[in-house]
Amino acid sequence: MRRWYLKKLYLYLEQSYINNKALLWPNLGRLNNLLIIVNISMFFLSGLVAKGYYFTFFSLICLALVAVLLLLPLPVLERLWYYLFCLALEVIALYFLVVSIVYWVRTEVG
């Protein structure tokens, strides 16, 4: 019973993804560009990275990987799991950005 429900839920999500993928991918790209700009402006220009704090690099690596995956014309762009993988990388990058901001505020650097 539960397996049937999960399969039905996945099929529903996949159909919703197919209907809205023209909106989802550009918004993911815009979010990616925004997070890259925020990372660079907040931490590289403030000098926090020069003092040995490297979570910003981890965030930028995740964001660069998403940017490359967005640019490659792969046939898996039509698949829901590929979009969810890119979205998960974006969430990991956002986590590192938030942790960096918390560290920046608590240590009062800058």
C-alpha atoms as a PDB file:
ATOM      1  CA  MET A   1       0.000   0.000   0.000  1.00  0.00           C
ATOM      2  CA  ARG A   2       2.739   2.422   0.966  1.00  0.00           C
ATOM      3  CA  ARG A   3       4.867   1.627  -2.086  1.00  0.00           C
ATOM      4  CA  TRP A   4       1.884   2.263  -4.341  1.00  0.00           C
ATOM      5  CA  TYR A   5       1.299   5.632  -2.668  1.00  0.00           C
ATOM      6  CA  LEU A   6       4.943   6.665  -3.083  1.00  0.00           C
ATOM      7  CA  LYS A   7       4.915   5.667  -6.738  1.00  0.00           C
ATOM      8  CA  LYS A   8       1.737   7.646  -7.312  1.00  0.00           C
ATOM      9  CA  LEU A   9       3.235  10.646  -5.503  1.00  0.00           C
ATOM     10  CA  TYR A  10       6.414  10.475  -7.601  1.00  0.00           C
ATOM     11  CA  LEU A  11       4.395  10.273 -10.813  1.00  0.00           C
ATOM     12  CA  TYR A  12       2.391  13.313  -9.707  1.00  0.00           C
ATOM     13  CA  LEU A  13       5.577  15.247  -8.917  1.00  0.00           C
ATOM     14  CA  GLU A  14       7.128  14.249 -12.218  1.00  0.00           C
ATOM     15  CA  GLN A  15       4.075  15.417 -14.148  1.00  0.00           C
ATOM     16  CA  SER A  16       4.097  18.691 -12.236  1.00  0.00           C
ATOM     17  CA  TYR A  17       7.799  19.070 -13.044  1.00  0.00           C
ATOM     18  CA  ILE A  18       7.173  18.450 -16.760  1.00  0.00           C
ATOM     19  CA  ASN A  19       4.450  21.098 -16.763  1.00  0.00           C
ATOM     20  CA  ASN A  20       6.580  23.702 -14.950  1.00  0.00           C
ATOM     21  CA  LYS A  21      10.167  23.015 -16.027  1.00  0.00           C
ATOM     22  CA  ALA A  22      10.214  26.147 -18.180  1.00  0.00           C
ATOM     23  CA  LEU A  23       9.877  28.135 -14.947  1.00  0.00           C
ATOM     24  CA  LEU A  24      11.934  25.978 -12.600  1.00  0.00           C
ATOM     25  CA  TRP A  25      15.289  25.921 -14.438  1.00  0.00           C
ATOM     26  CA  PRO A  26      15.583  29.688 -15.063  1.00  0.00           C
ATOM     27  CA  ASN A  27      14.685  30.416 -11.437  1.00  0.00           C
ATOM     28  CA  LEU A  28      17.334  27.969 -10.252  1.00  0.00           C
ATOM     29  CA  GLY A  29      19.865  29.723 -12.473  1.00  0.00           C
ATOM     30  CA  ARG A  30      18.891  33.136 -11.111  1.00  0.00           C
ATOM     31  CA  LEU A  31      19.160  31.909  -7.518  1.00  0.00           C
ATOM     32  CA  ASN A  32      22.561  30.439  -8.326  1.00  0.00           C
ATOM     33  CA  ASN A  33      23.833  33.742  -9.738  1.00  0.00           C
ATOM     34  CA  LEU A  34      22.472  35.665  -6.759  1.00  0.00           C
ATOM     35  CA  LEU A  35      24.168  33.358  -4.253  1.00  0.00           C
ATOM     36  CA  ILE A  36      27.487  33.621  -6.095  1.00  0.00           C
ATOM     37  CA  ILE A  37      27.320  37.416  -5.964  1.00  0.00           C
ATOM     38  CA  VAL A  38      26.395  37.389  -2.269  1.00  0.00           C
ATOM     39  CA  ASN A  39      29.222  34.985  -1.457  1.00  0.00           C
ATOM     40  CA  ILE A  40      31.840  37.034  -3.237  1.00  0.00           C
ATOM     41  CA  SER A  41      30.655  40.409  -1.987  1.00  0.00           C
ATOM     42  CA  MET A  42      30.244  39.408   1.657  1.00  0.00           C
ATOM     43  CA  PHE A  43      33.273  37.253   2.291  1.00  0.00           C
ATOM     44  CA  PHE A  44      35.981  37.884  -0.262  1.00  0.00           C
ATOM     45  CA  LEU A  45      35.684  41.654  -0.153  1.00  0.00           C
ATOM     46  CA  SER A  46      35.458  41.719   3.651  1.00  0.00           C
ATOM     47  CA  GLY A  47      38.694  39.752   4.016  1.00  0.00           C
ATOM     48  CA  LEU A  48      37.174  36.895   6.003  1.00  0.00           C
ATOM     49  CA  VAL A  49      38.513  34.300   3.579  1.00  0.00           C
ATOM     50  CA  ALA A  50      42.057  35.668   3.960  1.00  0.00           C
ATOM     51  CA  LYS A  51      41.869  34.890   7.671  1.00  0.00           C
ATOM     52  CA  GLY A  52      41.461  31.166   7.066  1.00  0.00           C
ATOM     53  CA  TYR A  53      37.705  30.673   6.857  1.00  0.00           C
ATOM     54  CA  TYR A  54      36.932  28.213   4.070  1.00  0.00           C
ATOM     55  CA  PHE A  55      33.187  27.475   4.202  1.00  0.00           C
ATOM     56  CA  THR A  56      32.792  30.164   1.578  1.00  0.00           C
ATOM     57  CA  PHE A  57      34.910  28.080  -0.785  1.00  0.00           C
ATOM     58  CA  PHE A  58      32.702  25.048  -0.156  1.00  0.00           C
ATOM     59  CA  SER A  59      29.653  27.131  -0.970  1.00  0.00           C
ATOM     60  CA  LEU A  60      31.218  28.484  -4.140  1.00  0.00           C
ATOM     61  CA  ILE A  61      32.263  24.992  -5.246  1.00  0.00           C
ATOM     62  CA  CYS A  62      28.670  23.777  -4.914  1.00  0.00           C
ATOM     63  CA  LEU A  63      27.403  26.839  -6.764  1.00  0.00           C
ATOM     64  CA  ALA A  64      29.966  26.411  -9.542  1.00  0.00           C
ATOM     65  CA  LEU A  65      28.973  22.780  -9.933  1.00  0.00           C
ATOM     66  CA  VAL A  66      25.316  23.780 -10.259  1.00  0.00           C
ATOM     67  CA  ALA A  67      26.266  26.428 -12.816  1.00  0.00           C
ATOM     68  CA  VAL A  68      28.134  23.848 -14.893  1.00  0.00           C
ATOM     69  CA  LEU A  69      25.269  21.364 -14.629  1.00  0.00           C
ATOM     70  CA  LEU A  70      22.852  24.071 -15.761  1.00  0.00           C
ATOM     71  CA  LEU A  71      24.954  24.914 -18.807  1.00  0.00           C
ATOM     72  CA  LEU A  72      25.569  21.398 -20.084  1.00  0.00           C
ATOM     73  CA  PRO A  73      23.012  20.324 -22.680  1.00  0.00           C
ATOM     74  CA  LEU A  74      22.436  16.903 -21.206  1.00  0.00           C
ATOM     75  CA  PRO A  75      19.427  14.748 -22.064  1.00  0.00           C
ATOM     76  CA  VAL A  76      18.755  14.321 -18.331  1.00  0.00           C
ATOM     77  CA  LEU A  77      17.544  17.915 -18.112  1.00  0.00           C
ATOM     78  CA  GLU A  78      14.106  16.469 -18.719  1.00  0.00           C
ATOM     79  CA  ARG A  79      14.274  14.315 -15.566  1.00  0.00           C
ATOM     80  CA  LEU A  80      12.990  15.241 -12.143  1.00  0.00           C
ATOM     81  CA  TRP A  81      15.856  13.545 -10.292  1.00  0.00           C
ATOM     82  CA  TYR A  82      18.426  15.725 -12.105  1.00  0.00           C
ATOM     83  CA  TYR A  83      16.598  18.890 -11.093  1.00  0.00           C
ATOM     84  CA  LEU A  84      16.333  17.645  -7.497  1.00  0.00           C
ATOM     85  CA  PHE A  85      20.070  16.872  -7.493  1.00  0.00           C
ATOM     86  CA  CYS A  86      20.867  20.423  -8.648  1.00  0.00           C
ATOM     87  CA  LEU A  87      18.423  21.815  -6.104  1.00  0.00           C
ATOM     88  CA  ALA A  88      20.059  19.764  -3.341  1.00  0.00           C
ATOM     89  CA  LEU A  89      23.476  21.177  -4.284  1.00  0.00           C
ATOM     90  CA  GLU A  90      21.956  24.647  -4.153  1.00  0.00           C
ATOM     91  CA  VAL A  91      20.575  23.956  -0.662  1.00  0.00           C
ATOM     92  CA  ILE A  92      23.995  22.713   0.499  1.00  0.00           C
ATOM     93  CA  ALA A  93      25.574  25.909  -0.847  1.00  0.00           C
ATOM     94  CA  LEU A  94      22.906  27.956   0.925  1.00  0.00           C
ATOM     95  CA  TYR A  95      23.666  26.093   4.157  1.00  0.00           C
ATOM     96  CA  PHE A  96      27.358  26.980   3.900  1.00  0.00           C
ATOM     97  CA  LEU A  97      26.418  30.593   3.183  1.00  0.00           C
ATOM     98  CA  VAL A  98      24.151  30.806   6.245  1.00  0.00           C
ATOM     99  CA  VAL A  99      26.803  29.163   8.438  1.00  0.00           C
ATOM    100  CA  SER A 100      29.319  31.691   7.136  1.00  0.00           C
ATOM    101  CA  ILE A 101      26.995  34.575   7.970  1.00  0.00           C
ATOM    102  CA  VAL A 102      26.419  33.222  11.479  1.00  0.00           C
ATOM    103  CA  TYR A 103      30.173  32.851  11.991  1.00  0.00           C
ATOM    104  CA  TRP A 104      30.729  36.359  10.642  1.00  0.00           C
ATOM    105  CA  VAL A 105      28.165  37.861  13.031  1.00  0.00           C
ATOM    106  CA  ARG A 106      29.311  35.913  16.103  1.00  0.00           C
ATOM    107  CA  THR A 107      32.987  36.715  15.694  1.00  0.00           C
ATOM    108  CA  GLU A 108      32.251  40.315  14.669  1.00  0.00           C
ATOM    109  CA  VAL A 109      34.750  40.192  11.828  1.00  0.00           C
ATOM    110  CA  GLY A 110      34.517  43.009   9.311  1.00  0.00           C
END
